[in-house]
Amino acid sequence: MSNTYYFGRPKSTQNKSPTLKIEQQNNKLVISSDRLARWVYLYRKDGVSMKLNQNYFDILPQSSVTIDIPESLNLSQIYYME
């Protein structure tokens, strides 16, 4: 976990919607973004709760976040909100 400080109001830090790229590598998701993605939230399409090592996270431009997922899940079962 890192501490990221934004010098401005949330509405001033986001001009355009980011494009997220999600890749599955075994039981991990690697999520990257071309722009700042604030408060990214992952959830299952069927509404069943899932335990993740992190959720509601920010992705800085040109960087990625790695999330551990249960082995029984695959990328087609997961949605995200930002």
Protein backbone atom coordinates (compact mmCIF):
# COMPACT_ATOMS: atom_id res chain seq x y z
CA MET A 1 0.00 0.00 0.00
CA SER A 2 1.31 3.42 -0.82
CA ASN A 3 0.36 6.93 0.12
CA THR A 4 -0.46 9.09 -2.87
CA TYR A 5 -1.27 12.76 -2.41
CA TYR A 6 -3.25 14.79 -4.91
CA PHE A 7 -2.84 18.55 -4.91
CA GLY A 8 -6.28 19.56 -6.04
CA ARG A 9 -9.89 18.58 -5.79
CA PRO A 10 -10.83 15.17 -7.23
CA LYS A 11 -12.75 16.73 -10.12
CA SER A 12 -9.65 18.69 -11.18
CA THR A 13 -7.41 15.59 -11.32
CA GLN A 14 -9.47 13.75 -13.92
CA ASN A 15 -10.09 15.18 -17.38
CA LYS A 16 -10.73 12.11 -19.52
CA SER A 17 -11.79 8.57 -18.70
CA PRO A 18 -8.88 6.14 -18.44
CA THR A 19 -8.57 3.00 -20.52
CA LEU A 20 -7.92 0.01 -18.29
CA LYS A 21 -6.17 -3.11 -19.54
CA ILE A 22 -6.71 -6.25 -17.46
CA GLU A 23 -4.65 -9.40 -17.92
CA GLN A 24 -4.90 -12.65 -15.99
CA GLN A 25 -1.69 -14.41 -14.99
CA ASN A 26 -2.61 -17.61 -13.12
CA ASN A 27 -4.35 -16.44 -9.94
CA LYS A 28 -3.43 -12.77 -10.38
CA LEU A 29 -4.91 -9.88 -12.30
CA VAL A 30 -2.55 -7.23 -13.64
CA ILE A 31 -4.45 -3.99 -14.24
CA SER A 32 -2.84 -1.07 -16.04
CA SER A 33 -4.08 2.33 -17.15
CA ASP A 34 -3.12 4.99 -19.65
CA ARG A 35 -4.38 7.79 -17.35
CA LEU A 36 -5.04 8.25 -13.67
CA ALA A 37 -7.79 5.79 -12.63
CA ARG A 38 -9.30 6.70 -9.28
CA TRP A 39 -11.18 4.36 -6.95
CA VAL A 40 -11.15 1.28 -9.17
CA TYR A 41 -13.48 -1.38 -7.76
CA LEU A 42 -13.64 -5.02 -8.88
CA TYR A 43 -16.71 -7.21 -8.48
CA ARG A 44 -18.16 -10.45 -9.80
CA LYS A 45 -20.75 -10.39 -12.58
CA ASP A 46 -23.01 -12.79 -10.68
CA GLY A 47 -23.00 -10.60 -7.55
CA VAL A 48 -21.32 -13.17 -5.30
CA SER A 49 -18.80 -11.56 -2.96
CA MET A 50 -15.11 -12.27 -3.44
CA LYS A 51 -12.16 -11.70 -1.17
CA LEU A 52 -9.35 -9.70 -2.77
CA ASN A 53 -6.08 -8.45 -1.32
CA GLN A 54 -7.14 -4.92 -2.36
CA ASN A 55 -10.11 -3.13 -3.86
CA TYR A 56 -11.03 0.56 -4.30
CA PHE A 57 -7.54 1.50 -5.44
CA ASP A 58 -5.95 4.13 -7.68
CA ILE A 59 -3.78 3.35 -10.70
CA LEU A 60 -1.28 6.00 -11.71
CA PRO A 61 -0.72 6.76 -15.40
CA GLN A 62 1.44 4.23 -17.26
CA SER A 63 1.63 1.94 -14.20
CA SER A 64 -0.07 -1.25 -13.06
CA VAL A 65 -1.55 -2.90 -9.98
CA THR A 66 -1.44 -6.65 -9.29
CA ILE A 67 -4.41 -8.22 -7.50
CA ASP A 68 -4.56 -11.78 -6.11
CA ILE A 69 -7.80 -13.54 -7.04
CA PRO A 70 -9.21 -16.91 -5.92
CA GLU A 71 -8.16 -19.79 -8.18
CA SER A 72 -11.78 -20.56 -9.04
CA LEU A 73 -12.24 -17.18 -10.75
CA ASN A 74 -11.29 -16.14 -14.23
CA LEU A 75 -11.23 -12.80 -16.00
CA SER A 76 -14.58 -13.35 -17.75
CA GLN A 77 -16.34 -13.38 -14.33
CA ILE A 78 -15.04 -9.99 -13.19
CA TYR A 79 -16.29 -6.46 -13.84
CA TYR A 80 -14.78 -3.20 -12.71
CA MET A 81 -16.08 0.24 -11.83
CA GLU A 82 -14.13 3.46 -11.59
